[in-house]
N, C-alpha and C. Protein backbone atom coordinates (compact mmCIF):
# COMPACT_ATOMS: atom_id res chain seq x y z
N UNK A 1 10.15 -36.84 12.99
CA UNK A 1 9.85 -37.76 13.90
C UNK A 1 9.44 -37.09 15.09
N UNK A 2 8.78 -37.70 15.96
CA UNK A 2 8.18 -37.50 17.14
C UNK A 2 8.98 -38.14 18.35
N UNK A 3 8.57 -38.00 19.54
CA UNK A 3 9.37 -38.66 20.79
C UNK A 3 9.44 -40.18 20.68
N UNK A 4 8.56 -40.86 19.73
CA UNK A 4 8.21 -42.39 19.82
C UNK A 4 8.87 -42.78 18.43
N UNK A 5 9.60 -41.92 17.88
CA UNK A 5 10.30 -41.95 16.47
C UNK A 5 9.46 -42.40 15.35
N UNK A 6 8.29 -42.02 15.43
CA UNK A 6 7.22 -42.38 14.44
C UNK A 6 7.28 -41.35 13.38
N UNK A 7 7.24 -41.72 12.13
CA UNK A 7 7.29 -40.22 11.20
C UNK A 7 5.93 -39.51 11.38
N UNK A 8 6.01 -38.50 11.26
CA UNK A 8 4.79 -37.37 11.30
C UNK A 8 4.35 -37.47 9.90
N UNK A 9 3.32 -37.66 9.38
CA UNK A 9 2.64 -37.67 8.08
C UNK A 9 1.51 -36.37 7.99
N UNK A 10 2.01 -35.38 7.18
CA UNK A 10 1.04 -34.37 7.09
C UNK A 10 0.33 -34.37 5.82
N UNK A 11 -0.95 -34.22 5.76
CA UNK A 11 -1.79 -34.26 4.66
C UNK A 11 -1.40 -33.02 3.69
N UNK A 12 -1.56 -33.25 2.38
CA UNK A 12 -1.20 -32.13 1.38
C UNK A 12 -1.71 -30.95 1.65
N UNK A 13 -3.10 -30.97 1.87
CA UNK A 13 -3.72 -29.73 2.34
C UNK A 13 -3.40 -29.04 3.41
N UNK A 14 -3.01 -29.82 4.36
CA UNK A 14 -2.54 -29.17 5.56
C UNK A 14 -1.25 -28.28 5.35
N UNK A 15 -0.35 -29.06 4.63
CA UNK A 15 0.85 -28.47 4.19
C UNK A 15 0.68 -27.13 3.30
N UNK A 16 -0.06 -27.22 2.37
CA UNK A 16 -0.42 -25.98 1.54
C UNK A 16 -1.11 -24.88 2.47
N UNK A 17 -1.93 -25.21 3.20
CA UNK A 17 -2.62 -24.17 3.99
C UNK A 17 -1.59 -23.60 4.95
N UNK A 18 -0.89 -24.45 5.60
CA UNK A 18 0.16 -23.77 6.54
C UNK A 18 1.19 -23.07 5.95
N UNK A 19 1.66 -23.24 4.66
CA UNK A 19 2.86 -22.72 3.97
C UNK A 19 2.23 -21.21 3.54
N UNK A 20 0.90 -21.25 2.96
CA UNK A 20 0.21 -20.10 2.54
C UNK A 20 0.01 -19.22 3.79
N UNK A 21 -0.46 -19.69 4.97
CA UNK A 21 -0.72 -18.88 5.98
C UNK A 21 0.54 -18.23 6.62
N UNK A 22 1.57 -18.87 6.53
CA UNK A 22 2.87 -18.42 7.09
C UNK A 22 3.29 -17.33 6.38
N UNK A 23 3.43 -17.61 5.02
CA UNK A 23 3.79 -16.46 3.85
C UNK A 23 2.99 -15.20 4.00
N UNK A 24 1.77 -15.48 4.20
CA UNK A 24 0.73 -14.40 4.32
C UNK A 24 0.83 -13.55 5.50
N UNK A 25 1.00 -14.44 6.50
CA UNK A 25 1.40 -13.64 7.68
C UNK A 25 2.44 -12.86 7.83
N UNK A 26 3.64 -13.43 7.30
CA UNK A 26 4.87 -12.71 7.37
C UNK A 26 4.72 -11.36 6.40
N UNK A 27 4.10 -11.46 5.35
CA UNK A 27 3.85 -10.40 4.30
C UNK A 27 3.15 -9.26 5.15
N UNK A 28 1.93 -9.60 5.79
CA UNK A 28 1.12 -8.59 6.51
C UNK A 28 2.04 -7.92 7.51
N UNK A 29 2.92 -8.68 8.42
CA UNK A 29 3.53 -8.23 9.37
C UNK A 29 4.74 -7.18 8.66
N UNK A 30 5.29 -7.57 7.64
CA UNK A 30 6.29 -6.46 6.80
C UNK A 30 5.53 -5.39 6.42
N UNK A 31 4.57 -5.30 5.84
CA UNK A 31 3.79 -4.25 5.50
C UNK A 31 3.43 -3.59 6.71
N UNK A 32 2.99 -3.95 7.88
CA UNK A 32 2.70 -3.22 8.99
C UNK A 32 3.86 -2.61 9.62
N UNK A 33 4.81 -3.09 9.76
CA UNK A 33 6.11 -2.51 10.13
C UNK A 33 6.70 -1.38 9.33
N UNK A 34 6.59 -1.76 7.94
CA UNK A 34 7.15 -0.75 7.00
C UNK A 34 6.25 0.64 7.06
N UNK A 35 4.99 0.36 6.99
CA UNK A 35 4.04 1.44 7.01
C UNK A 35 4.29 2.37 8.49
N UNK A 36 4.36 1.72 9.52
CA UNK A 36 4.64 2.19 10.86
C UNK A 36 5.84 3.05 10.75
N UNK A 37 6.95 2.35 10.27
CA UNK A 37 8.21 3.20 10.31
C UNK A 37 8.04 4.38 9.38
N UNK A 38 7.49 4.29 8.26
CA UNK A 38 7.41 5.36 7.21
C UNK A 38 6.53 6.38 7.91
N UNK A 39 5.53 5.99 8.65
CA UNK A 39 4.50 7.17 9.39
C UNK A 39 5.48 7.80 10.53
N UNK A 40 5.99 6.96 11.41
CA UNK A 40 6.73 7.71 12.52
C UNK A 40 7.99 8.45 12.04
N UNK A 41 8.57 7.94 10.96
CA UNK A 41 9.72 8.63 10.82
C UNK A 41 9.48 9.93 9.97
N UNK A 42 8.20 9.91 9.24
CA UNK A 42 7.85 11.13 8.48
C UNK A 42 8.12 10.96 7.03
N UNK A 43 8.55 9.78 6.62
CA UNK A 43 8.98 9.51 5.38
C UNK A 43 7.62 9.92 4.27
N UNK A 44 6.59 9.51 4.70
CA UNK A 44 5.31 9.48 3.87
C UNK A 44 4.37 10.34 4.59
N UNK A 45 3.72 11.34 4.10
CA UNK A 45 2.84 12.31 4.71
C UNK A 45 1.46 11.33 5.16
N UNK A 46 0.97 11.63 6.32
CA UNK A 46 -0.09 11.05 6.84
C UNK A 46 -1.50 11.66 6.40
N UNK A 47 -2.59 11.04 6.44
CA UNK A 47 -3.84 11.60 6.31
C UNK A 47 -4.27 12.51 7.59
N UNK A 48 -3.82 11.97 8.65
CA UNK A 48 -4.09 12.93 9.96
C UNK A 48 -2.71 12.99 10.48
N UNK A 49 -2.25 14.20 10.68
CA UNK A 49 -0.84 14.49 11.33
C UNK A 49 -0.97 13.86 12.66
N UNK A 50 0.09 13.40 13.34
CA UNK A 50 0.28 12.81 14.61
C UNK A 50 -0.15 13.83 15.56
N UNK A 51 0.20 15.01 15.37
CA UNK A 51 0.03 16.21 16.39
C UNK A 51 -1.37 16.39 16.61
N UNK A 52 -2.15 16.13 15.78
CA UNK A 52 -3.48 16.44 15.75
C UNK A 52 -4.54 15.34 16.35
N UNK A 53 -3.81 14.10 16.23
CA UNK A 53 -4.67 12.93 16.89
C UNK A 53 -5.04 12.96 18.24
N UNK A 54 -4.21 13.45 19.36
CA UNK A 54 -4.94 13.67 20.75
C UNK A 54 -6.13 14.48 20.74
N UNK A 55 -6.25 15.52 20.09
CA UNK A 55 -7.41 16.52 20.09
C UNK A 55 -8.53 15.86 19.27
N UNK A 56 -8.29 15.02 18.48
CA UNK A 56 -9.44 14.20 17.58
C UNK A 56 -9.98 13.11 18.29
N UNK A 57 -9.20 12.28 19.06
CA UNK A 57 -9.59 11.11 19.77
C UNK A 57 -10.89 11.36 20.49
N UNK A 58 -11.01 12.46 21.16
CA UNK A 58 -12.21 12.56 22.10
C UNK A 58 -13.63 12.89 21.19
N UNK A 59 -13.54 13.18 20.13
CA UNK A 59 -14.79 13.21 19.21
C UNK A 59 -15.43 12.15 18.93
N UNK A 60 -16.70 12.14 18.73
CA UNK A 60 -17.40 10.94 18.24
C UNK A 60 -16.97 10.58 16.81
N UNK A 61 -17.18 9.22 16.40
CA UNK A 61 -16.73 9.00 15.13
C UNK A 61 -17.13 9.82 13.94
N UNK A 62 -18.41 10.38 13.89
CA UNK A 62 -18.65 11.18 12.72
C UNK A 62 -18.08 12.42 12.62
N UNK A 63 -17.65 12.93 13.98
CA UNK A 63 -16.98 14.24 13.92
C UNK A 63 -15.56 14.09 13.53
N UNK A 64 -14.95 12.87 13.94
CA UNK A 64 -13.57 12.56 13.68
C UNK A 64 -13.47 12.21 12.12
N UNK A 65 -14.47 11.54 11.69
CA UNK A 65 -14.34 11.31 10.27
C UNK A 65 -14.40 12.80 9.43
N UNK A 66 -15.43 13.57 9.70
CA UNK A 66 -15.62 14.65 9.18
C UNK A 66 -14.45 15.87 9.23
N UNK A 67 -13.57 15.98 10.23
CA UNK A 67 -12.69 16.72 10.65
C UNK A 67 -11.33 16.20 9.74
N UNK A 68 -11.27 14.96 9.74
CA UNK A 68 -9.92 14.39 9.24
C UNK A 68 -10.20 14.19 7.68
N UNK A 69 -11.30 14.02 7.12
CA UNK A 69 -11.56 13.55 5.82
C UNK A 69 -11.41 12.06 5.40
N UNK A 70 -11.36 11.35 6.74
CA UNK A 70 -11.13 9.97 6.53
C UNK A 70 -12.18 9.17 6.03
N UNK A 71 -11.87 8.35 5.18
CA UNK A 71 -12.96 7.59 4.49
C UNK A 71 -13.61 6.39 5.43
N UNK A 72 -14.61 5.86 4.88
CA UNK A 72 -15.26 4.69 5.59
C UNK A 72 -15.18 3.42 4.71
N UNK A 73 -15.53 2.31 5.25
CA UNK A 73 -15.85 1.18 4.30
C UNK A 73 -14.38 1.00 3.63
N UNK A 74 -14.47 0.73 2.41
CA UNK A 74 -13.25 0.24 1.65
C UNK A 74 -12.76 1.36 1.02
N UNK A 75 -13.29 2.74 1.03
CA UNK A 75 -12.81 3.73 0.60
C UNK A 75 -11.30 4.33 0.92
N UNK A 76 -10.78 3.54 1.92
CA UNK A 76 -9.50 3.89 2.59
C UNK A 76 -8.52 3.39 1.49
N UNK A 77 -8.60 2.59 0.50
CA UNK A 77 -7.75 2.30 -0.43
C UNK A 77 -7.42 3.37 -1.36
N UNK A 78 -8.23 4.29 -1.51
CA UNK A 78 -7.86 5.52 -2.42
C UNK A 78 -6.95 6.38 -1.64
N UNK A 79 -6.65 6.13 -0.40
CA UNK A 79 -5.59 6.87 0.55
C UNK A 79 -4.40 6.29 0.85
N UNK A 80 -4.10 4.94 0.27
CA UNK A 80 -3.29 3.95 0.64
C UNK A 80 -1.69 4.57 0.45
N UNK A 81 -1.82 5.84 -0.24
CA UNK A 81 -0.54 6.47 -0.28
C UNK A 81 -0.20 7.42 0.96
N UNK A 82 -1.05 7.44 1.96
CA UNK A 82 -0.88 8.08 3.17
C UNK A 82 -0.38 7.00 4.32
N UNK A 83 0.79 7.64 4.85
CA UNK A 83 1.59 6.67 5.88
C UNK A 83 0.67 6.07 6.85
N UNK A 84 -0.44 6.62 7.58
CA UNK A 84 -1.43 6.14 8.51
C UNK A 84 -2.35 5.26 7.94
N UNK A 85 -2.71 5.47 6.51
CA UNK A 85 -3.64 4.61 6.00
C UNK A 85 -2.93 3.35 5.42
N UNK A 86 -1.78 3.38 5.06
CA UNK A 86 -0.92 2.24 4.56
C UNK A 86 -1.06 0.98 5.31
N UNK A 87 -1.06 1.26 6.81
CA UNK A 87 -1.00 0.15 7.63
C UNK A 87 -2.35 -0.64 7.54
N UNK A 88 -3.43 -0.04 7.06
CA UNK A 88 -4.63 -0.93 6.66
C UNK A 88 -4.33 -2.03 5.64
N UNK A 89 -3.28 -1.91 4.77
CA UNK A 89 -3.07 -2.75 3.83
C UNK A 89 -2.49 -4.16 4.58
N UNK A 90 -1.71 -3.82 5.62
CA UNK A 90 -1.02 -4.89 6.34
C UNK A 90 -2.39 -5.76 7.16
N UNK A 91 -3.17 -4.90 7.58
CA UNK A 91 -4.25 -5.55 8.44
C UNK A 91 -5.15 -6.32 7.41
N UNK A 92 -5.37 -5.78 6.12
CA UNK A 92 -6.23 -6.53 5.31
C UNK A 92 -5.32 -7.78 4.99
N UNK A 93 -4.08 -7.92 4.69
CA UNK A 93 -3.28 -9.24 4.36
C UNK A 93 -3.67 -9.92 5.48
N UNK A 94 -3.22 -9.76 6.72
CA UNK A 94 -3.41 -10.56 7.95
C UNK A 94 -4.82 -11.22 8.02
N UNK A 95 -5.92 -10.44 7.74
CA UNK A 95 -7.20 -10.71 7.96
C UNK A 95 -7.58 -11.56 6.64
N UNK A 96 -7.11 -11.38 5.51
CA UNK A 96 -7.51 -12.04 4.21
C UNK A 96 -6.59 -13.32 3.82
N UNK A 97 -5.53 -13.52 4.62
CA UNK A 97 -4.70 -14.56 4.01
C UNK A 97 -5.45 -15.92 3.99
N UNK A 98 -6.29 -16.01 4.93
CA UNK A 98 -7.20 -17.26 5.30
C UNK A 98 -8.16 -17.45 3.67
N UNK A 99 -8.36 -16.34 3.11
CA UNK A 99 -9.06 -16.46 1.80
C UNK A 99 -8.27 -17.23 0.83
N UNK A 100 -6.83 -16.81 0.78
CA UNK A 100 -5.94 -17.51 -0.14
C UNK A 100 -5.92 -18.81 0.20
N UNK A 101 -5.89 -19.13 1.53
CA UNK A 101 -5.37 -20.49 1.85
C UNK A 101 -6.77 -21.37 1.50
N UNK A 102 -7.92 -21.05 1.86
CA UNK A 102 -8.95 -21.91 1.49
C UNK A 102 -9.25 -21.91 0.16
N UNK A 103 -8.95 -20.92 -0.92
CA UNK A 103 -9.12 -21.05 -2.29
C UNK A 103 -8.10 -22.13 -2.83
N UNK A 104 -6.97 -22.18 -2.13
CA UNK A 104 -5.79 -23.13 -2.50
C UNK A 104 -6.17 -24.47 -2.25
N UNK A 105 -7.15 -24.85 -1.40
CA UNK A 105 -7.63 -26.15 -1.04
C UNK A 105 -8.60 -26.72 -1.72
N UNK A 106 -9.48 -25.83 -2.56
CA UNK A 106 -10.57 -26.30 -3.41
C UNK A 106 -10.00 -27.06 -4.57
N UNK A 107 -8.87 -26.77 -5.45
CA UNK A 107 -8.43 -27.63 -6.61
C UNK A 107 -7.95 -28.97 -5.97
N UNK A 108 -7.36 -29.04 -4.52
CA UNK A 108 -6.85 -30.39 -4.08
C UNK A 108 -8.00 -31.26 -3.94
N UNK A 109 -9.06 -30.56 -3.11
CA UNK A 109 -10.17 -31.47 -2.93
C UNK A 109 -10.86 -32.15 -4.08
N UNK A 110 -11.01 -31.26 -5.14
CA UNK A 110 -11.78 -31.65 -6.18
C UNK A 110 -11.08 -32.72 -6.95
N UNK A 111 -9.54 -32.44 -7.05
CA UNK A 111 -9.01 -33.71 -7.84
C UNK A 111 -8.90 -34.89 -7.08
N UNK A 112 -9.16 -34.98 -5.61
CA UNK A 112 -9.41 -36.24 -4.94
C UNK A 112 -10.95 -36.59 -5.06
N UNK A 113 -11.78 -35.82 -5.81
CA UNK A 113 -13.09 -36.03 -5.63
C UNK A 113 -13.82 -35.99 -4.26
N UNK A 114 -13.31 -35.07 -3.47
CA UNK A 114 -13.81 -34.81 -2.27
C UNK A 114 -14.64 -33.56 -2.20
N UNK A 115 -16.01 -33.89 -2.79
CA UNK A 115 -16.68 -32.55 -3.19
C UNK A 115 -17.10 -31.97 -1.91
N UNK A 116 -17.65 -32.63 -0.85
CA UNK A 116 -17.96 -32.01 0.23
C UNK A 116 -17.04 -31.01 0.83
N UNK A 117 -15.71 -31.43 0.83
CA UNK A 117 -14.67 -30.43 1.35
C UNK A 117 -14.64 -29.29 0.49
N UNK A 118 -14.61 -29.36 -0.87
CA UNK A 118 -14.44 -28.47 -1.84
C UNK A 118 -15.58 -27.50 -1.62
N UNK A 119 -16.96 -28.18 -1.57
CA UNK A 119 -17.92 -27.13 -1.23
C UNK A 119 -17.74 -26.35 0.04
N UNK A 120 -17.40 -26.97 1.10
CA UNK A 120 -17.24 -26.45 2.24
C UNK A 120 -16.25 -25.12 2.22
N UNK A 121 -15.15 -25.36 1.57
CA UNK A 121 -14.12 -24.32 1.26
C UNK A 121 -14.85 -23.17 0.55
N UNK A 122 -15.50 -23.47 -0.49
CA UNK A 122 -16.26 -22.65 -1.36
C UNK A 122 -17.11 -21.65 -0.65
N UNK A 123 -18.15 -22.40 0.36
CA UNK A 123 -19.01 -21.70 1.18
C UNK A 123 -18.19 -20.82 1.94
N UNK A 124 -17.30 -21.15 2.69
CA UNK A 124 -16.44 -20.44 3.73
C UNK A 124 -16.02 -19.05 2.94
N UNK A 125 -15.63 -19.39 1.70
CA UNK A 125 -14.86 -18.21 0.95
C UNK A 125 -16.04 -17.12 0.55
N UNK A 126 -17.34 -17.54 0.36
CA UNK A 126 -18.32 -16.84 0.02
C UNK A 126 -18.70 -16.08 1.35
N UNK A 127 -18.91 -16.55 2.31
CA UNK A 127 -19.19 -15.98 3.56
C UNK A 127 -18.28 -14.91 4.01
N UNK A 128 -16.85 -15.08 3.86
CA UNK A 128 -15.82 -14.11 4.18
C UNK A 128 -15.90 -13.10 3.17
N UNK A 129 -16.11 -13.37 1.98
CA UNK A 129 -16.15 -12.23 0.92
C UNK A 129 -17.24 -11.38 1.10
N UNK A 130 -18.39 -12.07 1.40
CA UNK A 130 -19.73 -11.25 1.54
C UNK A 130 -19.60 -10.28 2.67
N UNK A 131 -19.16 -10.96 4.00
CA UNK A 131 -18.82 -10.17 5.11
C UNK A 131 -17.87 -9.01 4.83
N UNK A 132 -16.69 -9.34 4.25
CA UNK A 132 -15.70 -8.25 4.00
C UNK A 132 -16.35 -7.01 2.94
N UNK A 133 -17.14 -7.42 2.14
CA UNK A 133 -17.83 -6.51 1.15
C UNK A 133 -18.53 -5.43 1.73
N UNK A 134 -18.74 -5.50 2.74
CA UNK A 134 -19.74 -4.50 3.38
C UNK A 134 -21.13 -4.53 2.95
N UNK A 135 -21.41 -5.51 2.07
CA UNK A 135 -22.83 -5.56 1.40
C UNK A 135 -24.18 -5.69 2.66
N UNK A 136 -23.77 -6.30 3.53
CA UNK A 136 -24.78 -6.47 4.75
C UNK A 136 -24.73 -5.68 5.76
N UNK A 137 -23.70 -4.65 5.61
CA UNK A 137 -23.85 -3.49 6.68
C UNK A 137 -24.94 -2.94 6.92
N UNK A 138 -25.38 -2.63 8.26
CA UNK A 138 -26.55 -1.76 8.48
C UNK A 138 -26.13 -0.24 8.12
N UNK A 139 -27.05 0.34 7.38
CA UNK A 139 -26.93 1.60 7.07
C UNK A 139 -26.17 2.10 5.72
N UNK A 140 -25.82 0.70 4.99
CA UNK A 140 -25.11 0.92 3.79
C UNK A 140 -26.19 1.35 2.53
């Protein structure tokens, strides 16, 4: 109820989207915190040792990548077992949770016969996935 004692009605798709967004955001934050703690405490070895970072930060990105052996694009996934790279998983969850939310709306809209909304969700999903894939990157 709000101030006027009028019940607040929430559309099912809003509830589904909000619930998934909340859970995905919490999961992403937990992954970020755990990977940070593992990195700072030295529980998991990093790709780039902390003590080397200040000297490497002044280099151009090409030199930084060459000296650290850091991957570009989605190849970071191959080094997920490194504490400094593991934080990328949390960032991916935070950035990608909207994909899950949109995908969950498609069957709701289709069941109600709202083809335009379902099509818009699918179009947004395709745009996000193509952008995340790196297929349209310059120099790929």
